[in-house]
Amino acid sequence: MSTKRKNKSKLLKKLIIGRTDVIDFPDLGLSNVRAKVDTGAYTSAIHCYKVSVVKGKITFYLPAHRNEKHQKFTTEQFELKAIKNSFGQTEKRYVIKTRVVLFGKTFKTEFSLADREQMRYPVLLGRKLLRNRFLVDVSLENVSYSEKLVQQQPSNVIDLLTKT
């Protein structure tokens, strides 16, 4: 197979994602979390606070979501990695692996635990998740979430939406 055909078939398999989306974290019990797509970031990040490591376990809190109480999480599966922040400075951050759902598909990826309180979006989706899976169209927003909403609609509403 020629190189052009290989590249074209790879492109056809990729999903188109916009500059923002709304995602689910099944391992963390969170759904409909706003996320910003950032091709400049290598590792994805999730907003949390009170991160501490005691006896080989990391504990962190996720902020209250949709009128729920804040949630405490503890895991032994984490790493301390050097991550470049938005200013290009390297800092040490704890990184966990968890699953996210986009376009009805589940992806396991790394998220650095970061203080994103001053940011508009509590989650940042970086290149490590995006690579070889998604093409980014910055003119679009919430593509995966829109598909999710359509799939949740009763069939008679979908019929109305698809008729021209």
N, C-alpha and C. Protein backbone atom coordinates (compact mmCIF):
# COMPACT_ATOMS: atom_id res chain seq x y z
N MET A 1 0.85 -1.18 0.00
CA MET A 1 0.00 0.00 0.00
C MET A 1 0.89 1.24 0.00
N SER A 2 0.54 2.22 -0.81
CA SER A 2 1.34 3.43 -0.90
C SER A 2 1.21 4.26 0.37
N THR A 3 2.19 5.16 0.56
CA THR A 3 2.19 6.02 1.74
C THR A 3 0.97 6.93 1.76
N LYS A 4 0.55 7.43 0.58
CA LYS A 4 -0.63 8.30 0.52
C LYS A 4 -1.87 7.55 0.97
N ARG A 5 -2.02 6.30 0.54
CA ARG A 5 -3.19 5.52 0.92
C ARG A 5 -3.19 5.22 2.42
N LYS A 6 -2.01 4.91 2.98
CA LYS A 6 -1.91 4.65 4.42
C LYS A 6 -2.32 5.89 5.20
N ASN A 7 -1.79 7.05 4.80
CA ASN A 7 -2.12 8.30 5.50
C ASN A 7 -3.61 8.61 5.38
N LYS A 8 -4.18 8.37 4.20
CA LYS A 8 -5.60 8.65 4.00
C LYS A 8 -6.46 7.72 4.86
N SER A 9 -6.08 6.44 4.94
CA SER A 9 -6.88 5.51 5.75
C SER A 9 -6.76 5.85 7.24
N LYS A 10 -5.60 6.35 7.68
CA LYS A 10 -5.45 6.78 9.07
C LYS A 10 -6.34 7.99 9.36
N LEU A 11 -6.40 8.92 8.40
CA LEU A 11 -7.23 10.11 8.58
C LEU A 11 -8.70 9.74 8.67
N LEU A 12 -9.13 8.78 7.86
CA LEU A 12 -10.54 8.38 7.86
C LEU A 12 -10.96 7.73 9.17
N LYS A 13 -10.03 7.15 9.91
CA LYS A 13 -10.34 6.47 11.16
C LYS A 13 -10.40 7.43 12.35
N LYS A 14 -9.91 8.65 12.17
CA LYS A 14 -9.87 9.60 13.27
C LYS A 14 -11.20 10.33 13.41
N LEU A 15 -11.58 10.58 14.65
CA LEU A 15 -12.79 11.34 14.94
C LEU A 15 -12.45 12.83 14.94
N ILE A 16 -13.41 13.65 14.55
CA ILE A 16 -13.20 15.09 14.57
C ILE A 16 -13.75 15.64 15.88
N ILE A 17 -12.87 16.31 16.62
CA ILE A 17 -13.24 16.90 17.89
C ILE A 17 -13.07 18.41 17.77
N GLY A 18 -13.88 19.15 18.49
CA GLY A 18 -13.79 20.61 18.46
C GLY A 18 -12.84 21.14 19.51
N ARG A 19 -12.85 22.46 19.70
CA ARG A 19 -11.93 23.08 20.66
C ARG A 19 -12.35 22.85 22.11
N THR A 20 -13.62 22.49 22.32
CA THR A 20 -14.10 22.14 23.66
C THR A 20 -15.02 20.94 23.53
N ASP A 21 -15.26 20.28 24.65
CA ASP A 21 -16.24 19.19 24.68
C ASP A 21 -16.67 18.95 26.11
N VAL A 22 -17.60 18.05 26.27
CA VAL A 22 -18.11 17.68 27.59
C VAL A 22 -17.92 16.17 27.69
N ILE A 23 -17.18 15.72 28.72
CA ILE A 23 -16.76 14.33 28.77
C ILE A 23 -17.18 13.67 30.08
N ASP A 24 -17.06 12.34 30.11
CA ASP A 24 -17.38 11.56 31.30
C ASP A 24 -16.12 10.88 31.82
N PHE A 25 -16.06 10.72 33.14
CA PHE A 25 -14.99 10.00 33.83
C PHE A 25 -15.63 8.84 34.61
N PRO A 26 -15.82 7.68 33.99
CA PRO A 26 -16.52 6.59 34.69
C PRO A 26 -15.81 6.11 35.96
N ASP A 27 -14.48 6.10 35.97
CA ASP A 27 -13.74 5.64 37.16
C ASP A 27 -13.91 6.61 38.34
N LEU A 28 -14.17 7.87 38.03
CA LEU A 28 -14.30 8.89 39.07
C LEU A 28 -15.76 9.21 39.38
N GLY A 29 -16.66 8.57 38.66
CA GLY A 29 -18.08 8.79 38.89
C GLY A 29 -18.56 10.17 38.45
N LEU A 30 -17.87 10.76 37.47
CA LEU A 30 -18.23 12.10 36.99
C LEU A 30 -18.76 12.02 35.56
N SER A 31 -19.79 12.81 35.30
CA SER A 31 -20.29 12.89 33.93
C SER A 31 -20.53 14.35 33.57
N ASN A 32 -20.49 14.60 32.28
CA ASN A 32 -20.74 15.93 31.73
C ASN A 32 -19.81 17.01 32.30
N VAL A 33 -18.50 16.71 32.23
CA VAL A 33 -17.48 17.64 32.71
C VAL A 33 -16.93 18.42 31.51
N ARG A 34 -16.90 19.74 31.65
CA ARG A 34 -16.41 20.59 30.56
C ARG A 34 -14.90 20.43 30.39
N ALA A 35 -14.46 20.31 29.12
CA ALA A 35 -13.05 20.11 28.83
C ALA A 35 -12.62 20.98 27.65
N LYS A 36 -11.39 21.45 27.72
CA LYS A 36 -10.79 22.22 26.63
C LYS A 36 -9.77 21.34 25.93
N VAL A 37 -9.80 21.34 24.62
CA VAL A 37 -8.83 20.59 23.83
C VAL A 37 -7.62 21.50 23.63
N ASP A 38 -6.43 20.99 23.97
CA ASP A 38 -5.23 21.80 23.90
C ASP A 38 -4.11 21.02 23.23
N THR A 39 -3.90 21.26 21.94
CA THR A 39 -2.85 20.55 21.21
C THR A 39 -1.45 21.00 21.63
N GLY A 40 -1.37 22.08 22.39
CA GLY A 40 -0.08 22.53 22.89
C GLY A 40 0.34 21.81 24.16
N ALA A 41 -0.61 21.15 24.81
CA ALA A 41 -0.31 20.42 26.05
C ALA A 41 -0.04 18.95 25.71
N TYR A 42 0.99 18.38 26.26
CA TYR A 42 1.29 16.97 26.01
C TYR A 42 0.38 16.08 26.86
N THR A 43 0.33 16.35 28.15
CA THR A 43 -0.45 15.53 29.08
C THR A 43 -1.77 16.23 29.40
N SER A 44 -2.82 15.46 29.51
CA SER A 44 -4.12 16.01 29.93
C SER A 44 -4.04 16.36 31.41
N ALA A 45 -4.93 17.24 31.85
CA ALA A 45 -4.93 17.67 33.25
C ALA A 45 -6.37 17.74 33.76
N ILE A 46 -6.52 17.50 35.07
CA ILE A 46 -7.83 17.61 35.71
C ILE A 46 -7.67 18.45 36.97
N HIS A 47 -8.65 19.31 37.20
CA HIS A 47 -8.60 20.19 38.37
C HIS A 47 -8.89 19.41 39.64
N CYS A 48 -8.02 19.58 40.62
CA CYS A 48 -8.24 18.98 41.93
C CYS A 48 -7.52 19.82 42.97
N TYR A 49 -7.72 19.46 44.23
CA TYR A 49 -7.06 20.19 45.31
C TYR A 49 -6.77 19.24 46.47
N LYS A 50 -6.03 19.73 47.44
CA LYS A 50 -5.61 18.95 48.62
C LYS A 50 -4.96 17.62 48.20
N VAL A 51 -3.98 17.71 47.33
CA VAL A 51 -3.25 16.51 46.89
C VAL A 51 -2.21 16.19 47.95
N SER A 52 -2.21 14.93 48.41
CA SER A 52 -1.21 14.51 49.39
C SER A 52 -0.85 13.05 49.17
N VAL A 53 0.40 12.73 49.51
CA VAL A 53 0.87 11.36 49.40
C VAL A 53 1.30 10.89 50.78
N VAL A 54 0.69 9.77 51.21
CA VAL A 54 1.02 9.20 52.51
C VAL A 54 1.14 7.69 52.33
N LYS A 55 2.29 7.15 52.73
CA LYS A 55 2.52 5.70 52.71
C LYS A 55 2.20 5.07 51.35
N GLY A 56 2.69 5.71 50.28
CA GLY A 56 2.54 5.15 48.94
C GLY A 56 1.17 5.29 48.32
N LYS A 57 0.31 6.07 48.95
CA LYS A 57 -1.02 6.31 48.39
C LYS A 57 -1.21 7.81 48.18
N ILE A 58 -1.83 8.15 47.05
CA ILE A 58 -2.13 9.56 46.80
C ILE A 58 -3.61 9.80 47.07
N THR A 59 -3.88 10.91 47.72
CA THR A 59 -5.26 11.32 48.00
C THR A 59 -5.46 12.70 47.39
N PHE A 60 -6.59 12.89 46.74
CA PHE A 60 -6.92 14.19 46.17
C PHE A 60 -8.43 14.37 46.17
N TYR A 61 -8.83 15.61 46.09
CA TYR A 61 -10.25 15.96 46.09
C TYR A 61 -10.61 16.58 44.75
N LEU A 62 -11.75 16.16 44.22
CA LEU A 62 -12.30 16.81 43.03
C LEU A 62 -13.39 17.75 43.50
N PRO A 63 -13.49 18.92 42.89
CA PRO A 63 -14.49 19.89 43.32
C PRO A 63 -15.91 19.37 43.15
N ALA A 64 -16.82 20.02 43.85
CA ALA A 64 -18.23 19.68 43.72
C ALA A 64 -18.63 19.83 42.26
N HIS A 65 -19.44 18.89 41.80
CA HIS A 65 -19.85 18.88 40.40
C HIS A 65 -21.36 18.74 40.33
N ARG A 66 -21.99 19.66 39.69
CA ARG A 66 -23.45 19.61 39.48
C ARG A 66 -24.21 19.41 40.80
N ASN A 67 -23.98 20.30 41.75
CA ASN A 67 -24.66 20.31 43.04
C ASN A 67 -24.35 19.08 43.92
N GLU A 68 -23.32 18.34 43.59
CA GLU A 68 -22.89 17.22 44.43
C GLU A 68 -21.82 17.74 45.39
N LYS A 69 -21.52 16.96 46.42
CA LYS A 69 -20.44 17.31 47.33
C LYS A 69 -19.10 17.02 46.65
N HIS A 70 -18.03 17.71 47.13
CA HIS A 70 -16.71 17.39 46.60
C HIS A 70 -16.39 15.93 46.94
N GLN A 71 -15.54 15.34 46.13
CA GLN A 71 -15.26 13.92 46.28
C GLN A 71 -13.79 13.67 46.58
N LYS A 72 -13.54 12.73 47.47
CA LYS A 72 -12.18 12.35 47.85
C LYS A 72 -11.83 11.06 47.13
N PHE A 73 -10.62 11.01 46.56
CA PHE A 73 -10.14 9.81 45.88
C PHE A 73 -8.79 9.43 46.42
N THR A 74 -8.55 8.15 46.51
CA THR A 74 -7.28 7.61 46.96
C THR A 74 -6.88 6.48 46.02
N THR A 75 -5.61 6.47 45.62
CA THR A 75 -5.12 5.40 44.76
C THR A 75 -3.63 5.17 45.00
N GLU A 76 -3.20 3.97 44.72
CA GLU A 76 -1.78 3.65 44.77
C GLU A 76 -1.15 3.75 43.39
N GLN A 77 -1.97 3.93 42.38
CA GLN A 77 -1.50 3.96 40.99
C GLN A 77 -1.29 5.41 40.55
N PHE A 78 -0.08 5.91 40.74
CA PHE A 78 0.24 7.28 40.35
C PHE A 78 1.74 7.39 40.13
N GLU A 79 2.14 8.47 39.47
CA GLU A 79 3.55 8.77 39.25
C GLU A 79 3.77 10.25 39.49
N LEU A 80 5.00 10.61 39.81
CA LEU A 80 5.40 12.00 39.90
C LEU A 80 6.20 12.30 38.64
N LYS A 81 5.71 13.25 37.83
CA LYS A 81 6.35 13.54 36.54
C LYS A 81 6.65 15.02 36.40
N ALA A 82 7.62 15.32 35.56
CA ALA A 82 7.92 16.71 35.21
C ALA A 82 6.96 17.12 34.09
N ILE A 83 6.18 18.16 34.34
CA ILE A 83 5.19 18.65 33.38
C ILE A 83 5.46 20.12 33.13
N LYS A 84 5.38 20.55 31.87
CA LYS A 84 5.52 21.98 31.58
C LYS A 84 4.17 22.64 31.77
N ASN A 85 4.14 23.72 32.53
CA ASN A 85 2.89 24.44 32.74
C ASN A 85 2.62 25.37 31.56
N SER A 86 1.54 26.13 31.62
CA SER A 86 1.14 26.99 30.51
C SER A 86 2.14 28.12 30.24
N PHE A 87 3.03 28.37 31.19
CA PHE A 87 4.06 29.39 31.00
C PHE A 87 5.37 28.80 30.49
N GLY A 88 5.39 27.49 30.24
CA GLY A 88 6.59 26.83 29.73
C GLY A 88 7.57 26.42 30.81
N GLN A 89 7.20 26.61 32.08
CA GLN A 89 8.09 26.23 33.18
C GLN A 89 7.81 24.78 33.58
N THR A 90 8.85 24.04 33.86
CA THR A 90 8.70 22.65 34.28
C THR A 90 8.41 22.59 35.77
N GLU A 91 7.40 21.80 36.12
CA GLU A 91 7.06 21.60 37.53
C GLU A 91 6.74 20.13 37.74
N LYS A 92 6.89 19.67 38.97
CA LYS A 92 6.57 18.28 39.32
C LYS A 92 5.08 18.18 39.62
N ARG A 93 4.42 17.22 38.97
CA ARG A 93 3.00 16.99 39.23
C ARG A 93 2.74 15.50 39.34
N TYR A 94 1.74 15.18 40.13
CA TYR A 94 1.30 13.80 40.22
C TYR A 94 0.39 13.50 39.04
N VAL A 95 0.55 12.30 38.50
CA VAL A 95 -0.21 11.87 37.33
C VAL A 95 -0.89 10.55 37.64
N ILE A 96 -2.18 10.48 37.31
CA ILE A 96 -2.94 9.24 37.48
C ILE A 96 -3.42 8.78 36.11
N LYS A 97 -3.76 7.51 36.03
CA LYS A 97 -4.40 6.99 34.81
C LYS A 97 -5.86 6.74 35.13
N THR A 98 -6.72 7.18 34.23
CA THR A 98 -8.14 6.96 34.39
C THR A 98 -8.79 6.91 33.02
N ARG A 99 -10.04 6.52 32.99
CA ARG A 99 -10.77 6.40 31.73
C ARG A 99 -11.64 7.63 31.50
N VAL A 100 -11.73 8.02 30.22
CA VAL A 100 -12.64 9.08 29.79
C VAL A 100 -13.50 8.54 28.66
N VAL A 101 -14.69 9.10 28.53
CA VAL A 101 -15.60 8.69 27.46
C VAL A 101 -15.83 9.87 26.54
N LEU A 102 -15.51 9.66 25.27
CA LEU A 102 -15.73 10.62 24.19
C LEU A 102 -16.32 9.87 23.02
N PHE A 103 -17.33 10.41 22.38
CA PHE A 103 -17.97 9.78 21.22
C PHE A 103 -18.44 8.36 21.54
N GLY A 104 -18.85 8.13 22.79
CA GLY A 104 -19.34 6.83 23.19
C GLY A 104 -18.25 5.78 23.33
N LYS A 105 -16.99 6.18 23.19
CA LYS A 105 -15.85 5.25 23.31
C LYS A 105 -15.07 5.58 24.57
N THR A 106 -14.53 4.56 25.19
CA THR A 106 -13.77 4.73 26.42
C THR A 106 -12.28 4.69 26.11
N PHE A 107 -11.55 5.67 26.61
CA PHE A 107 -10.11 5.78 26.42
C PHE A 107 -9.44 5.87 27.79
N LYS A 108 -8.40 5.07 28.00
CA LYS A 108 -7.62 5.17 29.23
C LYS A 108 -6.42 6.06 28.94
N THR A 109 -6.23 7.07 29.77
CA THR A 109 -5.13 8.00 29.54
C THR A 109 -4.65 8.60 30.85
N GLU A 110 -3.57 9.34 30.78
CA GLU A 110 -2.99 9.98 31.95
C GLU A 110 -3.55 11.38 32.14
N PHE A 111 -3.76 11.75 33.40
CA PHE A 111 -4.17 13.10 33.76
C PHE A 111 -3.27 13.59 34.88
N SER A 112 -2.68 14.77 34.68
CA SER A 112 -1.93 15.36 35.79
C SER A 112 -2.94 16.02 36.72
N LEU A 113 -2.65 15.95 38.00
CA LEU A 113 -3.51 16.58 39.01
C LEU A 113 -3.04 18.02 39.17
N ALA A 114 -3.90 18.96 38.81
CA ALA A 114 -3.49 20.36 38.75
C ALA A 114 -4.52 21.27 39.39
N ASP A 115 -4.03 22.41 39.85
CA ASP A 115 -4.93 23.45 40.35
C ASP A 115 -5.35 24.29 39.14
N ARG A 116 -6.55 24.06 38.65
CA ARG A 116 -7.10 24.78 37.49
C ARG A 116 -8.25 25.70 37.90
N GLU A 117 -8.27 26.08 39.16
CA GLU A 117 -9.39 26.88 39.67
C GLU A 117 -9.56 28.19 38.92
N GLN A 118 -8.47 28.80 38.50
CA GLN A 118 -8.54 30.08 37.79
C GLN A 118 -8.82 29.90 36.30
N MET A 119 -8.89 28.66 35.86
CA MET A 119 -9.12 28.38 34.44
C MET A 119 -10.61 28.21 34.16
N ARG A 120 -10.99 28.46 32.94
CA ARG A 120 -12.39 28.36 32.54
C ARG A 120 -12.88 26.90 32.50
N TYR A 121 -11.98 25.99 32.16
CA TYR A 121 -12.34 24.58 32.03
C TYR A 121 -11.60 23.74 33.07
N PRO A 122 -12.29 22.88 33.79
CA PRO A 122 -11.63 22.07 34.81
C PRO A 122 -10.76 20.95 34.24
N VAL A 123 -10.93 20.65 32.96
CA VAL A 123 -10.17 19.57 32.33
C VAL A 123 -9.53 20.08 31.05
N LEU A 124 -8.30 19.64 30.84
CA LEU A 124 -7.55 19.95 29.63
C LEU A 124 -7.23 18.62 28.95
N LEU A 125 -7.55 18.49 27.67
CA LEU A 125 -7.23 17.28 26.91
C LEU A 125 -6.01 17.54 26.06
N GLY A 126 -4.92 16.82 26.35
CA GLY A 126 -3.64 17.04 25.67
C GLY A 126 -3.37 16.06 24.54
N ARG A 127 -2.21 16.26 23.91
CA ARG A 127 -1.82 15.48 22.73
C ARG A 127 -1.72 13.98 22.99
N LYS A 128 -1.33 13.60 24.17
CA LYS A 128 -1.17 12.17 24.46
C LYS A 128 -2.49 11.43 24.27
N LEU A 129 -3.61 12.04 24.64
CA LEU A 129 -4.93 11.46 24.40
C LEU A 129 -5.37 11.64 22.95
N LEU A 130 -5.11 12.80 22.39
CA LEU A 130 -5.60 13.13 21.06
C LEU A 130 -4.88 12.38 19.93
N ARG A 131 -3.59 12.14 20.10
CA ARG A 131 -2.76 11.60 19.03
C ARG A 131 -3.30 10.27 18.49
N ASN A 132 -3.35 10.19 17.18
CA ASN A 132 -3.78 8.99 16.44
C ASN A 132 -5.25 8.62 16.67
N ARG A 133 -6.00 9.51 17.34
CA ARG A 133 -7.42 9.24 17.58
C ARG A 133 -8.32 10.34 17.03
N PHE A 134 -7.87 11.59 17.13
CA PHE A 134 -8.72 12.73 16.83
C PHE A 134 -8.03 13.73 15.91
N LEU A 135 -8.85 14.40 15.11
CA LEU A 135 -8.45 15.60 14.39
C LEU A 135 -9.19 16.75 15.05
N VAL A 136 -8.50 17.87 15.26
CA VAL A 136 -9.10 19.00 15.95
C VAL A 136 -9.55 20.04 14.93
N ASP A 137 -10.83 20.38 14.99
CA ASP A 137 -11.40 21.46 14.18
C ASP A 137 -11.80 22.56 15.16
N VAL A 138 -11.02 23.63 15.19
CA VAL A 138 -11.23 24.68 16.19
C VAL A 138 -12.51 25.48 15.96
N SER A 139 -13.16 25.29 14.83
CA SER A 139 -14.43 25.99 14.59
C SER A 139 -15.60 25.26 15.23
N LEU A 140 -15.36 24.07 15.79
CA LEU A 140 -16.42 23.27 16.40
C LEU A 140 -16.30 23.25 17.91
N GLU A 141 -17.43 22.98 18.57
CA GLU A 141 -17.46 22.82 20.02
C GLU A 141 -18.40 21.68 20.38
N ASN A 142 -18.05 20.93 21.41
CA ASN A 142 -18.94 19.93 22.03
C ASN A 142 -19.51 18.90 21.05
N VAL A 143 -18.70 18.43 20.13
CA VAL A 143 -19.15 17.48 19.11
C VAL A 143 -19.54 16.15 19.75
N SER A 144 -18.70 15.62 20.60
CA SER A 144 -18.99 14.35 21.27
C SER A 144 -20.24 14.47 22.14
N TYR A 145 -20.34 15.57 22.87
CA TYR A 145 -21.48 15.78 23.75
C TYR A 145 -22.78 15.90 22.95
N SER A 146 -22.73 16.60 21.82
CA SER A 146 -23.91 16.72 20.96
C SER A 146 -24.37 15.35 20.48
N GLU A 147 -23.41 14.51 20.08
CA GLU A 147 -23.76 13.15 19.64
C GLU A 147 -24.38 12.36 20.79
N LYS A 148 -23.85 12.54 21.98
CA LYS A 148 -24.38 11.85 23.17
C LYS A 148 -25.84 12.26 23.42
N LEU A 149 -26.11 13.55 23.31
CA LEU A 149 -27.47 14.04 23.53
C LEU A 149 -28.44 13.49 22.50
N VAL A 150 -28.01 13.43 21.24
CA VAL A 150 -28.87 12.89 20.19
C VAL A 150 -29.15 11.41 20.45
N GLN A 151 -28.14 10.66 20.89
CA GLN A 151 -28.33 9.23 21.16
C GLN A 151 -29.27 9.01 22.34
N GLN A 152 -29.35 9.97 23.25
CA GLN A 152 -30.21 9.82 24.42
C GLN A 152 -31.65 10.21 24.12
N GLN A 153 -31.90 10.83 22.97
CA GLN A 153 -33.24 11.28 22.63
C GLN A 153 -34.12 10.10 22.22
N PRO A 154 -35.40 10.16 22.52
CA PRO A 154 -36.31 9.13 22.02
C PRO A 154 -36.30 9.15 20.49
N SER A 155 -36.57 8.01 19.88
CA SER A 155 -36.47 7.88 18.42
C SER A 155 -37.36 8.86 17.68
N ASN A 156 -38.53 9.22 18.22
CA ASN A 156 -39.41 10.16 17.51
C ASN A 156 -38.79 11.55 17.43
N VAL A 157 -38.00 11.95 18.44
CA VAL A 157 -37.32 13.25 18.40
C VAL A 157 -36.20 13.20 17.38
N ILE A 158 -35.48 12.09 17.32
CA ILE A 158 -34.41 11.94 16.32
C ILE A 158 -35.00 12.00 14.93
N ASP A 159 -36.17 11.37 14.70
CA ASP A 159 -36.82 11.43 13.40
C ASP A 159 -37.12 12.87 13.02
N LEU A 160 -37.60 13.67 13.96
CA LEU A 160 -37.89 15.07 13.70
C LEU A 160 -36.63 15.86 13.36
N LEU A 161 -35.53 15.55 14.09
CA LEU A 161 -34.28 16.26 13.87
C LEU A 161 -33.65 15.93 12.51
N THR A 162 -33.85 14.70 12.03
CA THR A 162 -33.19 14.28 10.79
C THR A 162 -34.01 14.60 9.55
N LYS A 163 -35.30 14.93 9.70
CA LYS A 163 -36.11 15.28 8.54
C LYS A 163 -35.78 16.69 8.09
N THR A 164 -35.72 16.87 6.76
CA THR A 164 -35.42 18.20 6.23
C THR A 164 -36.62 18.81 5.55
